[in-house]
């Protein structure tokens, strides 16, 4: 009898940017797996950018690819995350965006 071994999940991460002057939807500006994913998360945290942990969404964003806008199917999910970030900013008294357009978010 053959036993299947569970393969350990390889961590994935992605970063989005939404520049309302240039884009119609949030754009994938960083993707990575393994060590690259850890670096994306560390960079975000080190810059004070909130990190939302959602392995399924991170995988989907990695599959969409770097530089592409998210598809309409993800609008609702990403909108919830953006609302969460805005609420955090308000509760912390942040008036300016955490990053300027073009920065990794």
Foldseek 3Di string as FASTA:
>chain_A
DDDDDDDDDWAKAWFWFDDPVPDPAIFTADIDTHPSRVVLVVVCVVLVHDDDDDRVVRVVNVVVHHGGGDDPVCRVVVVVVVVVRVVVCVVVVNDDDSDDPPDTD
